N, C-alpha and C. Protein backbone atom coordinates (compact mmCIF):
# COMPACT_ATOMS: atom_id res chain seq x y z
N MET A 1 33.85 1.23 -13.08
CA MET A 1 32.41 1.36 -13.11
C MET A 1 31.79 -0.02 -13.33
N SER A 2 30.79 -0.34 -12.54
CA SER A 2 30.19 -1.67 -12.65
C SER A 2 29.07 -1.68 -13.70
N ALA A 3 28.83 -2.85 -14.25
CA ALA A 3 27.78 -3.00 -15.25
C ALA A 3 26.42 -3.03 -14.56
N PRO A 4 25.38 -2.46 -15.19
CA PRO A 4 24.05 -2.49 -14.57
C PRO A 4 23.52 -3.92 -14.49
N ARG A 5 22.78 -4.21 -13.45
CA ARG A 5 22.23 -5.55 -13.25
C ARG A 5 20.72 -5.50 -13.32
N ALA A 6 20.15 -6.57 -13.79
CA ALA A 6 18.68 -6.67 -13.82
C ALA A 6 18.17 -6.83 -12.40
N ARG A 7 17.02 -6.26 -12.15
CA ARG A 7 16.43 -6.36 -10.80
C ARG A 7 15.96 -7.78 -10.56
N LYS A 8 16.37 -8.36 -9.45
CA LYS A 8 15.99 -9.73 -9.11
C LYS A 8 14.60 -9.75 -8.49
N ARG A 9 13.88 -10.84 -8.69
CA ARG A 9 12.58 -11.01 -8.04
C ARG A 9 12.81 -11.26 -6.55
N PRO A 10 11.89 -10.79 -5.71
CA PRO A 10 12.07 -11.02 -4.27
C PRO A 10 11.95 -12.49 -3.93
N PRO A 11 12.60 -12.92 -2.85
CA PRO A 11 12.46 -14.32 -2.43
C PRO A 11 11.00 -14.63 -2.11
N THR A 12 10.63 -15.89 -2.18
CA THR A 12 9.25 -16.30 -1.96
C THR A 12 8.72 -15.83 -0.61
N ALA A 13 9.53 -15.85 0.42
CA ALA A 13 9.09 -15.45 1.75
C ALA A 13 8.70 -13.97 1.79
N ASP A 14 9.33 -13.14 0.97
CA ASP A 14 9.06 -11.71 0.98
C ASP A 14 8.04 -11.28 -0.08
N ARG A 15 7.60 -12.19 -0.92
CA ARG A 15 6.74 -11.82 -2.04
C ARG A 15 5.41 -11.24 -1.58
N HIS A 16 4.88 -11.70 -0.43
CA HIS A 16 3.59 -11.20 0.04
C HIS A 16 3.62 -9.70 0.33
N ARG A 17 4.78 -9.15 0.60
CA ARG A 17 4.86 -7.72 0.90
C ARG A 17 4.50 -6.87 -0.30
N TYR A 18 4.61 -7.40 -1.50
CA TYR A 18 4.37 -6.62 -2.70
C TYR A 18 2.97 -6.86 -3.27
N ASP A 19 2.17 -7.70 -2.63
CA ASP A 19 0.85 -8.04 -3.15
C ASP A 19 -0.26 -7.13 -2.64
N SER A 20 -0.01 -6.37 -1.60
CA SER A 20 -1.07 -5.52 -1.06
C SER A 20 -0.47 -4.23 -0.51
N ALA A 21 -1.33 -3.25 -0.37
CA ALA A 21 -0.93 -1.96 0.20
C ALA A 21 -2.03 -1.51 1.14
N TYR A 22 -1.68 -0.70 2.08
CA TYR A 22 -2.66 -0.17 3.02
C TYR A 22 -2.79 1.33 2.81
N VAL A 23 -4.03 1.81 2.76
CA VAL A 23 -4.31 3.23 2.61
C VAL A 23 -4.97 3.70 3.90
N VAL A 24 -4.43 4.73 4.51
CA VAL A 24 -4.98 5.25 5.77
C VAL A 24 -5.55 6.63 5.49
N VAL A 25 -6.81 6.84 5.92
CA VAL A 25 -7.50 8.11 5.70
C VAL A 25 -7.91 8.67 7.06
N ALA A 26 -7.56 9.91 7.32
CA ALA A 26 -7.99 10.59 8.55
C ALA A 26 -8.90 11.75 8.15
N LEU A 27 -10.07 11.84 8.79
CA LEU A 27 -11.04 12.89 8.48
C LEU A 27 -11.12 13.88 9.62
N ALA A 28 -11.25 15.16 9.28
CA ALA A 28 -11.37 16.19 10.30
C ALA A 28 -12.72 16.07 11.00
N VAL A 29 -12.75 16.37 12.29
CA VAL A 29 -13.98 16.33 13.07
C VAL A 29 -14.70 17.66 12.86
N PRO A 30 -15.98 17.62 12.41
CA PRO A 30 -16.71 18.89 12.22
C PRO A 30 -16.79 19.67 13.53
N GLY A 31 -16.47 20.94 13.48
CA GLY A 31 -16.52 21.79 14.66
C GLY A 31 -15.33 21.62 15.58
N GLY A 32 -14.40 20.77 15.23
CA GLY A 32 -13.22 20.56 16.06
C GLY A 32 -12.11 21.52 15.70
N GLY A 33 -11.04 21.44 16.44
CA GLY A 33 -9.87 22.28 16.16
C GLY A 33 -9.10 21.75 14.96
N PRO A 34 -8.04 22.45 14.57
CA PRO A 34 -7.28 22.03 13.38
C PRO A 34 -6.58 20.68 13.54
N ASP A 35 -6.35 20.25 14.77
CA ASP A 35 -5.67 18.98 15.00
C ASP A 35 -6.61 17.85 15.40
N ASP A 36 -7.92 18.12 15.45
CA ASP A 36 -8.89 17.10 15.83
C ASP A 36 -9.27 16.27 14.61
N VAL A 37 -9.00 14.99 14.66
CA VAL A 37 -9.36 14.10 13.56
C VAL A 37 -10.08 12.88 14.12
N ALA A 38 -10.90 12.28 13.28
CA ALA A 38 -11.60 11.05 13.65
C ALA A 38 -10.59 9.90 13.63
N PRO A 39 -10.92 8.77 14.27
CA PRO A 39 -10.03 7.61 14.18
C PRO A 39 -9.78 7.27 12.71
N PRO A 40 -8.56 6.87 12.37
CA PRO A 40 -8.24 6.61 10.96
C PRO A 40 -9.01 5.44 10.38
N LEU A 41 -9.35 5.55 9.11
CA LEU A 41 -9.96 4.46 8.36
C LEU A 41 -8.84 3.78 7.59
N VAL A 42 -8.76 2.47 7.67
CA VAL A 42 -7.68 1.73 7.02
C VAL A 42 -8.29 0.81 5.96
N PHE A 43 -7.81 0.93 4.75
CA PHE A 43 -8.25 0.10 3.65
C PHE A 43 -7.08 -0.73 3.15
N ARG A 44 -7.32 -2.01 2.88
CA ARG A 44 -6.29 -2.87 2.30
C ARG A 44 -6.59 -3.01 0.82
N VAL A 45 -5.61 -2.72 0.00
CA VAL A 45 -5.76 -2.79 -1.45
C VAL A 45 -4.89 -3.93 -1.95
N GLN A 46 -5.48 -4.86 -2.71
CA GLN A 46 -4.71 -5.97 -3.26
C GLN A 46 -4.57 -5.81 -4.77
N ARG A 47 -3.44 -6.26 -5.27
CA ARG A 47 -3.20 -6.21 -6.72
C ARG A 47 -4.12 -7.18 -7.43
N ARG A 48 -4.49 -6.83 -8.64
CA ARG A 48 -5.28 -7.74 -9.47
C ARG A 48 -4.37 -8.79 -10.07
N PRO A 49 -4.88 -10.01 -10.25
CA PRO A 49 -4.07 -11.04 -10.92
C PRO A 49 -3.75 -10.60 -12.35
N GLN A 50 -2.56 -10.87 -12.78
CA GLN A 50 -2.14 -10.50 -14.13
C GLN A 50 -2.65 -11.50 -15.16
N GLY A 51 -3.21 -11.02 -16.25
CA GLY A 51 -3.59 -11.88 -17.36
C GLY A 51 -4.91 -12.61 -17.19
N GLY A 52 -5.57 -12.49 -16.07
CA GLY A 52 -6.84 -13.18 -15.85
C GLY A 52 -8.03 -12.32 -16.24
N GLN A 53 -9.21 -12.83 -15.96
CA GLN A 53 -10.41 -12.05 -16.21
C GLN A 53 -10.50 -10.92 -15.23
N ARG A 54 -11.11 -9.83 -15.64
CA ARG A 54 -11.26 -8.67 -14.76
C ARG A 54 -12.58 -8.66 -14.09
């Protein structure tokens, strides 16, 4: 059985992947069928800096 290891920080090149997330929202079209949706709305959410002013 191997000993547990601490999680390593991602390399600098990959760090940007963890700084933001994308939220996609699809809304139903009024009067449309069950599969009719409006074009998706995409929001980008960024993490707040740690330890700074809010």
